[in-house]
PDB file of N, CA and C in Angstrom:
ATOM      1  N   MET A   1     -40.909 174.109  43.385  1.00  0.00           N
ATOM      2  CA  MET A   1     -39.916 174.557  44.337  1.00  0.00           C
ATOM      3  C   MET A   1     -39.372 175.907  43.913  1.00  0.00           C
ATOM      4  N   SER A   2     -39.286 176.806  44.893  1.00  0.00           N
ATOM      5  CA  SER A   2     -38.700 178.099  44.567  1.00  0.00           C
ATOM      6  C   SER A   2     -37.204 178.040  44.824  1.00  0.00           C
ATOM      7  N   THR A   3     -36.493 179.007  44.297  1.00  0.00           N
ATOM      8  CA  THR A   3     -35.030 179.027  44.462  1.00  0.00           C
ATOM      9  C   THR A   3     -34.632 179.435  45.868  1.00  0.00           C
ATOM     10  N   HIS A   4     -35.542 180.015  46.654  1.00  0.00           N
ATOM     11  CA  HIS A   4     -35.227 180.483  48.012  1.00  0.00           C
ATOM     12  C   HIS A   4     -35.496 179.416  49.085  1.00  0.00           C
ATOM     13  N   GLU A   5     -36.100 178.317  48.701  1.00  0.00           N
ATOM     14  CA  GLU A   5     -36.480 177.308  49.678  1.00  0.00           C
ATOM     15  C   GLU A   5     -35.297 176.751  50.468  1.00  0.00           C
ATOM     16  N   PRO A   6     -34.195 176.370  49.860  1.00  0.00           N
ATOM     17  CA  PRO A   6     -33.075 175.862  50.671  1.00  0.00           C
ATOM     18  C   PRO A   6     -32.577 176.916  51.669  1.00  0.00           C
ATOM     19  N   GLY A   7     -32.545 178.176  51.252  1.00  0.00           N
ATOM     20  CA  GLY A   7     -32.128 179.238  52.173  1.00  0.00           C
ATOM     21  C   GLY A   7     -33.119 179.426  53.297  1.00  0.00           C
ATOM     22  N   GLU A   8     -34.403 179.282  52.991  1.00  0.00           N
ATOM     23  CA  GLU A   8     -35.444 179.412  54.014  1.00  0.00           C
ATOM     24  C   GLU A   8     -35.347 178.271  55.024  1.00  0.00           C
ATOM     25  N   ARG A   9     -35.093 177.069  54.520  1.00  0.00           N
ATOM     26  CA  ARG A   9     -34.912 175.927  55.441  1.00  0.00           C
ATOM     27  C   ARG A   9     -33.706 176.147  56.350  1.00  0.00           C
ATOM     28  N   ARG A  10     -32.654 176.644  55.744  1.00  0.00           N
ATOM     29  CA  ARG A  10     -31.432 176.900  56.533  1.00  0.00           C
ATOM     30  C   ARG A  10     -31.701 177.952  57.600  1.00  0.00           C
ATOM     31  N   LEU A  11     -32.419 179.012  57.240  1.00  0.00           N
ATOM     32  CA  LEU A  11     -32.762 180.068  58.191  1.00  0.00           C
ATOM     33  C   LEU A  11     -33.651 179.512  59.304  1.00  0.00           C
ATOM     34  N   GLU A  12     -34.623 178.684  58.922  1.00  0.00           N
ATOM     35  CA  GLU A  12     -35.513 178.080  59.916  1.00  0.00           C
ATOM     36  C   GLU A  12     -34.722 177.191  60.871  1.00  0.00           C
ATOM     37  N   ARG A  13     -33.801 176.404  60.326  1.00  0.00           N
ATOM     38  CA  ARG A  13     -32.967 175.540  61.173  1.00  0.00           C
ATOM     39  C   ARG A  13     -32.115 176.377  62.125  1.00  0.00           C
ATOM     40  N   LEU A  14     -31.552 177.469  61.640  1.00  0.00           N
ATOM     41  CA  LEU A  14     -30.754 178.351  62.497  1.00  0.00           C
ATOM     42  C   LEU A  14     -31.602 178.992  63.590  1.00  0.00           C
ATOM     43  N   GLU A  15     -32.848 179.327  63.266  1.00  0.00           N
ATOM     44  CA  GLU A  15     -33.748 179.890  64.277  1.00  0.00           C
ATOM     45  C   GLU A  15     -34.059 178.854  65.356  1.00  0.00           C
ATOM     46  N   HIS A  16     -34.252 177.603  64.963  1.00  0.00           N
ATOM     47  CA  HIS A  16     -34.497 176.543  65.944  1.00  0.00           C
ATOM     48  C   HIS A  16     -33.276 176.350  66.839  1.00  0.00           C
ATOM     49  N   VAL A  17     -32.112 176.304  66.223  1.00  0.00           N
ATOM     50  CA  VAL A  17     -30.879 176.136  66.993  1.00  0.00           C
ATOM     51  C   VAL A  17     -30.702 177.315  67.953  1.00  0.00           C
ATOM     52  N   SER A  18     -30.984 178.506  67.482  1.00  0.00           N
ATOM     53  CA  SER A  18     -30.867 179.690  68.324  1.00  0.00           C
ATOM     54  C   SER A  18     -31.840 179.623  69.504  1.00  0.00           C
ATOM     55  N   GLY A  19     -33.056 179.168  69.246  1.00  0.00           N
ATOM     56  CA  GLY A  19     -34.046 179.028  70.314  1.00  0.00           C
ATOM     57  C   GLY A  19     -33.605 178.028  71.367  1.00  0.00           C
ATOM     58  N   TYR A  20     -33.099 176.882  70.921  1.00  0.00           N
ATOM     59  CA  TYR A  20     -32.602 175.885  71.872  1.00  0.00           C
ATOM     60  C   TYR A  20     -31.412 176.429  72.659  1.00  0.00           C
ATOM     61  N   SER A  21     -30.553 177.157  71.980  1.00  0.00           N
ATOM     62  CA  SER A  21     -29.384 177.729  72.659  1.00  0.00           C
ATOM     63  C   SER A  21     -29.818 178.732  73.716  1.00  0.00           C
ATOM     64  N   GLU A  22     -30.795 179.570  73.406  1.00  0.00           N
ATOM     65  CA  GLU A  22     -31.292 180.543  74.379  1.00  0.00           C
ATOM     66  C   GLU A  22     -31.879 179.842  75.590  1.00  0.00           C
ATOM     67  N   ARG A  23     -32.635 178.778  75.360  1.00  0.00           N
ATOM     68  CA  ARG A  23     -33.236 178.018  76.466  1.00  0.00           C
ATOM     69  C   ARG A  23     -32.144 177.386  77.335  1.00  0.00           C
ATOM     70  N   ASN A  24     -31.133 176.811  76.698  1.00  0.00           N
ATOM     71  CA  ASN A  24     -30.028 176.214  77.454  1.00  0.00           C
ATOM     72  C   ASN A  24     -29.279 177.260  78.260  1.00  0.00           C
ATOM     73  N   ILE A  25     -29.111 178.436  77.706  1.00  0.00           N
ATOM     74  CA  ILE A  25     -28.429 179.522  78.430  1.00  0.00           C
ATOM     75  C   ILE A  25     -29.244 179.912  79.663  1.00  0.00           C
ATOM     76  N   GLU A  26     -30.568 179.987  79.523  1.00  0.00           N
ATOM     77  CA  GLU A  26     -31.422 180.314  80.669  1.00  0.00           C
ATOM     78  C   GLU A  26     -31.306 179.255  81.761  1.00  0.00           C
ATOM     79  N   ILE A  27     -31.325 177.992  81.358  1.00  0.00           N
ATOM     80  CA  ILE A  27     -31.217 176.898  82.330  1.00  0.00           C
ATOM     81  C   ILE A  27     -29.864 176.959  83.037  1.00  0.00           C
ATOM     82  N   LEU A  28     -28.801 177.100  82.268  1.00  0.00           N
ATOM     83  CA  LEU A  28     -27.461 177.134  82.860  1.00  0.00           C
ATOM     84  C   LEU A  28     -27.270 178.361  83.743  1.00  0.00           C
ATOM     85  N   SER A  29     -27.856 179.474  83.357  1.00  0.00           N
ATOM     86  CA  SER A  29     -27.768 180.676  84.171  1.00  0.00           C
ATOM     87  C   SER A  29     -28.429 180.457  85.530  1.00  0.00           C
ATOM     88  N   GLY A  30     -29.572 179.789  85.523  1.00  0.00           N
ATOM     89  CA  GLY A  30     -30.241 179.454  86.779  1.00  0.00           C
ATOM     90  C   GLY A  30     -29.404 178.521  87.634  1.00  0.00           C
ATOM     91  N   GLU A  31     -28.771 177.553  86.993  1.00  0.00           N
ATOM     92  CA  GLU A  31     -27.904 176.620  87.727  1.00  0.00           C
ATOM     93  C   GLU A  31     -26.718 177.349  88.347  1.00  0.00           C
ATOM     94  N   VAL A  32     -26.114 178.264  87.595  1.00  0.00           N
ATOM     95  CA  VAL A  32     -24.973 179.031  88.109  1.00  0.00           C
ATOM     96  C   VAL A  32     -25.414 179.887  89.291  1.00  0.00           C
ATOM     97  N   ALA A  33     -26.579 180.502  89.195  1.00  0.00           N
ATOM     98  CA  ALA A  33     -27.095 181.315  90.302  1.00  0.00           C
ATOM     99  C   ALA A  33     -27.303 180.460  91.548  1.00  0.00           C
ATOM    100  N   GLU A  34     -27.869 179.271  91.382  1.00  0.00           N
ATOM    101  CA  GLU A  34     -28.090 178.363  92.514  1.00  0.00           C
ATOM    102  C   GLU A  34     -26.757 177.924  93.123  1.00  0.00           C
ATOM    103  N   LEU A  35     -25.783 177.604  92.273  1.00  0.00           N
ATOM    104  CA  LEU A  35     -24.465 177.207  92.784  1.00  0.00           C
ATOM    105  C   LEU A  35     -23.799 178.354  93.534  1.00  0.00           C
ATOM    106  N   ASN A  36     -23.958 179.569  93.056  1.00  0.00           N
ATOM    107  CA  ASN A  36     -23.399 180.723  93.766  1.00  0.00           C
ATOM    108  C   ASN A  36     -24.043 180.888  95.134  1.00  0.00           C
ATOM    109  N   ARG A  37     -25.355 180.649  95.223  1.00  0.00           N
ATOM    110  CA  ARG A  37     -26.042 180.739  96.510  1.00  0.00           C
ATOM    111  C   ARG A  37     -25.507 179.678  97.474  1.00  0.00           C
ATOM    112  N   ILE A  38     -25.330 178.464  96.975  1.00  0.00           N
ATOM    113  CA  ILE A  38     -24.818 177.373  97.804  1.00  0.00           C
ATOM    114  C   ILE A  38     -23.390 177.661  98.248  1.00  0.00           C
ATOM    115  N   ILE A  39     -22.565 178.143  97.335  1.00  0.00           N
ATOM    116  CA  ILE A  39     -21.172 178.454  97.674  1.00  0.00           C
ATOM    117  C   ILE A  39     -21.111 179.549  98.727  1.00  0.00           C
ATOM    118  N   SER A  40     -21.968 180.555  98.608  1.00  0.00           N
ATOM    119  CA  SER A  40     -21.990 181.631  99.608  1.00  0.00           C
ATOM    120  C   SER A  40     -22.363 181.090 100.982  1.00  0.00           C
ATOM    121  N   ALA A  41     -23.367 180.220 101.032  1.00  0.00           N
ATOM    122  CA  ALA A  41     -23.781 179.634 102.307  1.00  0.00           C
ATOM    123  C   ALA A  41     -22.669 178.770 102.889  1.00  0.00           C
ATOM    124  N   LEU A  42     -22.004 177.987 102.043  1.00  0.00           N
ATOM    125  CA  LEU A  42     -20.910 177.134 102.523  1.00  0.00           C
ATOM    126  C   LEU A  42     -19.717 177.965 102.984  1.00  0.00           C
ATOM    127  N   THR A  43     -19.442 179.060 102.285  1.00  0.00           N
ATOM    128  CA  THR A  43     -18.345 179.936 102.681  1.00  0.00           C
ATOM    129  C   THR A  43     -18.622 180.541 104.054  1.00  0.00           C
ATOM    130  N   LYS A  44     -19.868 180.969 104.285  1.00  0.00           N
ATOM    131  CA  LYS A  44     -20.242 181.529 105.586  1.00  0.00           C
ATOM    132  C   LYS A  44     -20.092 180.474 106.679  1.00  0.00           C
ATOM    133  N   ARG A  45     -20.572 179.264 106.393  1.00  0.00           N
ATOM    134  CA  ARG A  45     -20.473 178.183 107.376  1.00  0.00           C
ATOM    135  C   ARG A  45     -19.017 177.823 107.667  1.00  0.00           C
ATOM    136  N   LEU A  46     -18.186 177.791 106.632  1.00  0.00           N
ATOM    137  CA  LEU A  46     -16.770 177.489 106.817  1.00  0.00           C
ATOM    138  C   LEU A  46     -16.116 178.545 107.699  1.00  0.00           C
ATOM    139  N   SER A  47     -16.463 179.795 107.481  1.00  0.00           N
ATOM    140  CA  SER A  47     -15.914 180.872 108.297  1.00  0.00           C
ATOM    141  C   SER A  47     -16.310 180.698 109.762  1.00  0.00           C
ATOM    142  N   GLN A  48     -17.579 180.321 110.006  1.00  0.00           N
ATOM    143  CA  GLN A  48     -18.031 180.080 111.378  1.00  0.00           C
ATOM    144  C   GLN A  48     -17.272 178.912 112.009  1.00  0.00           C
ATOM    145  N   LEU A  49     -17.068 177.853 111.243  1.00  0.00           N
ATOM    146  CA  LEU A  49     -16.350 176.689 111.761  1.00  0.00           C
ATOM    147  C   LEU A  49     -14.886 177.017 112.041  1.00  0.00           C
ATOM    148  N   GLU A  50     -14.274 177.831 111.175  1.00  0.00           N
ATOM    149  CA  GLU A  50     -12.888 178.248 111.406  1.00  0.00           C
ATOM    150  C   GLU A  50     -12.779 179.057 112.696  1.00  0.00           C
ATOM    151  N   SER A  51     -13.721 179.958 112.914  1.00  0.00           N
ATOM    152  CA  SER A  51     -13.715 180.756 114.141  1.00  0.00           C
ATOM    153  C   SER A  51     -13.856 179.853 115.364  1.00  0.00           C
ATOM    154  N   ARG A  52     -14.752 178.893 115.275  1.00  0.00           N
ATOM    155  CA  ARG A  52     -14.955 177.965 116.391  1.00  0.00           C
ATOM    156  C   ARG A  52     -13.709 177.118 116.630  1.00  0.00           C
ATOM    157  N   LEU A  53     -13.056 176.669 115.567  1.00  0.00           N
ATOM    158  CA  LEU A  53     -11.838 175.878 115.709  1.00  0.00           C
ATOM    159  C   LEU A  53     -10.724 176.697 116.353  1.00  0.00           C
ATOM    160  N   ILE A  54     -10.592 177.945 115.952  1.00  0.00           N
ATOM    161  CA  ILE A  54      -9.589 178.822 116.566  1.00  0.00           C
ATOM    162  C   ILE A  54      -9.878 178.984 118.049  1.00  0.00           C
ATOM    163  N   GLU A  55     -11.143 179.186 118.394  1.00  0.00           N
ATOM    164  CA  GLU A  55     -11.534 179.324 119.798  1.00  0.00           C
ATOM    165  C   GLU A  55     -11.193 178.066 120.585  1.00  0.00           C
ATOM    166  N   LEU A  56     -11.494 176.910 120.023  1.00  0.00           N
ATOM    167  CA  LEU A  56     -11.194 175.647 120.715  1.00  0.00           C
ATOM    168  C   LEU A  56      -9.693 175.424 120.841  1.00  0.00           C
ATOM    169  N   ASN A  57      -8.928 175.773 119.812  1.00  0.00           N
ATOM    170  CA  ASN A  57      -7.474 175.613 119.880  1.00  0.00           C
ATOM    171  C   ASN A  57      -6.863 176.524 120.933  1.00  0.00           C
ATOM    172  N   GLU A  58      -7.437 177.684 121.135  1.00  0.00           N
ATOM    173  CA  GLU A  58      -6.928 178.588 122.167  1.00  0.00           C
ATOM    174  C   GLU A  58      -7.202 178.038 123.554  1.00  0.00           C
ATOM    175  N   ARG A  59      -8.282 177.281 123.699  1.00  0.00           N
ATOM    176  CA  ARG A  59      -8.635 176.716 124.999  1.00  0.00           C
ATOM    177  C   ARG A  59      -7.880 175.435 125.311  1.00  0.00           C
ATOM    178  N   VAL A  60      -7.175 174.869 124.343  1.00  0.00           N
ATOM    179  CA  VAL A  60      -6.459 173.611 124.556  1.00  0.00           C
ATOM    180  C   VAL A  60      -5.418 173.763 125.659  1.00  0.00           C
ATOM    181  N   GLY A  61      -4.774 174.896 125.747  1.00  0.00           N
ATOM    182  CA  GLY A  61      -3.738 175.119 126.749  1.00  0.00           C
ATOM    183  C   GLY A  61      -4.277 175.321 128.148  1.00  0.00           C
ATOM    184  N   GLU A  62      -5.557 175.510 128.317  1.00  0.00           N
ATOM    185  CA  GLU A  62      -6.142 175.718 129.637  1.00  0.00           C
ATOM    186  C   GLU A  62      -6.139 174.412 130.425  1.00  0.00           C
ATOM    187  N   GLU A  63      -6.044 174.530 131.729  1.00  0.00           N
ATOM    188  CA  GLU A  63      -6.064 173.353 132.602  1.00  0.00           C
ATOM    189  C   GLU A  63      -7.473 172.764 132.639  1.00  0.00           C
ATOM    190  N   PRO A  64      -7.591 171.460 132.477  1.00  0.00           N
ATOM    191  CA  PRO A  64      -8.911 170.838 132.608  1.00  0.00           C
ATOM    192  C   PRO A  64      -9.335 170.843 134.077  1.00  0.00           C
ATOM    193  N   PRO A  65     -10.616 170.811 134.354  1.00  0.00           N
ATOM    194  CA  PRO A  65     -11.056 170.783 135.759  1.00  0.00           C
ATOM    195  C   PRO A  65     -10.591 169.492 136.435  1.00  0.00           C
ATOM    196  N   ASN A  66     -10.276 169.587 137.714  1.00  0.00           N
ATOM    197  CA  ASN A  66      -9.785 168.444 138.477  1.00  0.00           C
ATOM    198  C   ASN A  66     -10.977 167.619 138.958  1.00  0.00           C
ATOM    199  N   VAL A  67     -11.335 166.649 138.150  1.00  0.00           N
ATOM    200  CA  VAL A  67     -12.474 165.784 138.466  1.00  0.00           C
ATOM    201  C   VAL A  67     -11.946 164.361 138.549  1.00  0.00           C
ATOM    202  N   PRO A  68     -12.181 163.693 139.679  1.00  0.00           N
ATOM    203  CA  PRO A  68     -11.718 162.309 139.780  1.00  0.00           C
ATOM    204  C   PRO A  68     -12.518 161.419 138.833  1.00  0.00           C
ATOM    205  N   PRO A  69     -11.886 160.376 138.317  1.00  0.00           N
ATOM    206  CA  PRO A  69     -12.621 159.461 137.443  1.00  0.00           C
ATOM    207  C   PRO A  69     -13.746 158.777 138.215  1.00  0.00           C
ATOM    208  N   PRO A  70     -14.822 158.413 137.553  1.00  0.00           N
ATOM    209  CA  PRO A  70     -15.985 157.829 138.241  1.00  0.00           C
ATOM    210  C   PRO A  70     -15.664 156.552 139.010  1.00  0.00           C
ATOM    211  N   HIS A  71     -14.734 155.742 138.526  1.00  0.00           N
ATOM    212  CA  HIS A  71     -14.441 154.476 139.196  1.00  0.00           C
ATOM    213  C   HIS A  71     -13.674 154.676 140.497  1.00  0.00           C
ATOM    214  N   SER A  72     -13.125 155.892 140.752  1.00  0.00           N
ATOM    215  CA  SER A  72     -12.368 156.104 141.988  1.00  0.00           C
ATOM    216  C   SER A  72     -13.224 156.697 143.091  1.00  0.00           C
ATOM    217  N   ALA A  73     -14.460 156.996 142.808  1.00  0.00           N
ATOM    218  CA  ALA A  73     -15.326 157.591 143.818  1.00  0.00           C
ATOM    219  C   ALA A  73     -15.759 156.539 144.837  1.00  0.00           C
ATOM    220  N   GLY A  74     -15.666 156.903 146.113  1.00  0.00           N
ATOM    221  CA  GLY A  74     -16.104 156.012 147.179  1.00  0.00           C
ATOM    222  C   GLY A  74     -17.579 156.158 147.410  1.00  0.00           C
ATOM    223  N   PRO A  75     -18.097 155.481 148.391  1.00  0.00           N
ATOM    224  CA  PRO A  75     -19.538 155.532 148.640  1.00  0.00           C
ATOM    225  C   PRO A  75     -20.015 156.931 149.077  1.00  0.00           C
ATOM    226  N   ASP A  76     -19.126 157.701 149.722  1.00  0.00           N
ATOM    227  CA  ASP A  76     -19.533 159.025 150.184  1.00  0.00           C
ATOM    228  C   ASP A  76     -19.229 160.133 149.170  1.00  0.00           C
ATOM    229  N   ILE A  77     -18.586 159.806 148.046  1.00  0.00           N
ATOM    230  CA  ILE A  77     -18.257 160.784 147.021  1.00  0.00           C
ATOM    231  C   ILE A  77     -19.205 160.576 145.837  1.00  0.00           C
ATOM    232  N   PRO A  78     -19.873 161.620 145.430  1.00  0.00           N
ATOM    233  CA  PRO A  78     -20.780 161.440 144.273  1.00  0.00           C
ATOM    234  C   PRO A  78     -19.978 161.107 143.013  1.00  0.00           C
ATOM    235  N   LYS A  79     -20.567 160.260 142.189  1.00  0.00           N
ATOM    236  CA  LYS A  79     -19.874 159.845 140.960  1.00  0.00           C
ATOM    237  C   LYS A  79     -19.749 160.987 139.958  1.00  0.00           C
ATOM    238  N   ASP A  80     -20.652 161.939 139.990  1.00  0.00           N
ATOM    239  CA  ASP A  80     -20.605 163.084 139.072  1.00  0.00           C
ATOM    240  C   ASP A  80     -20.537 164.359 139.906  1.00  0.00           C
ATOM    241  N   PRO A  81     -19.311 164.804 140.251  1.00  0.00           N
ATOM    242  CA  PRO A  81     -19.190 165.962 141.127  1.00  0.00           C
ATOM    243  C   PRO A  81     -19.635 167.283 140.467  1.00  0.00           C
ATOM    244  N   LEU A  82     -19.839 167.279 139.184  1.00  0.00           N
ATOM    245  CA  LEU A  82     -20.255 168.500 138.523  1.00  0.00           C
ATOM    246  C   LEU A  82     -21.744 168.612 138.630  1.00  0.00           C
TER     247      LEU A  82
END
């Protein structure tokens, strides 16, 4: 046994740990990139839904069309006047 062997083992172990850490960083970086893509898509969709909700809320005050209910239609009145 040489006197440098324990230091060499320690260096080798640190190199292995460093390699695993680099691989984990690459994996996590990919995951973060994917999550950012998903968040961007969801943010865009949320914005579209908010715009649609605002549009629908503005139309709530409008008068609904005057359509008689289907059960009140007589034989000469079509059940679906639209």
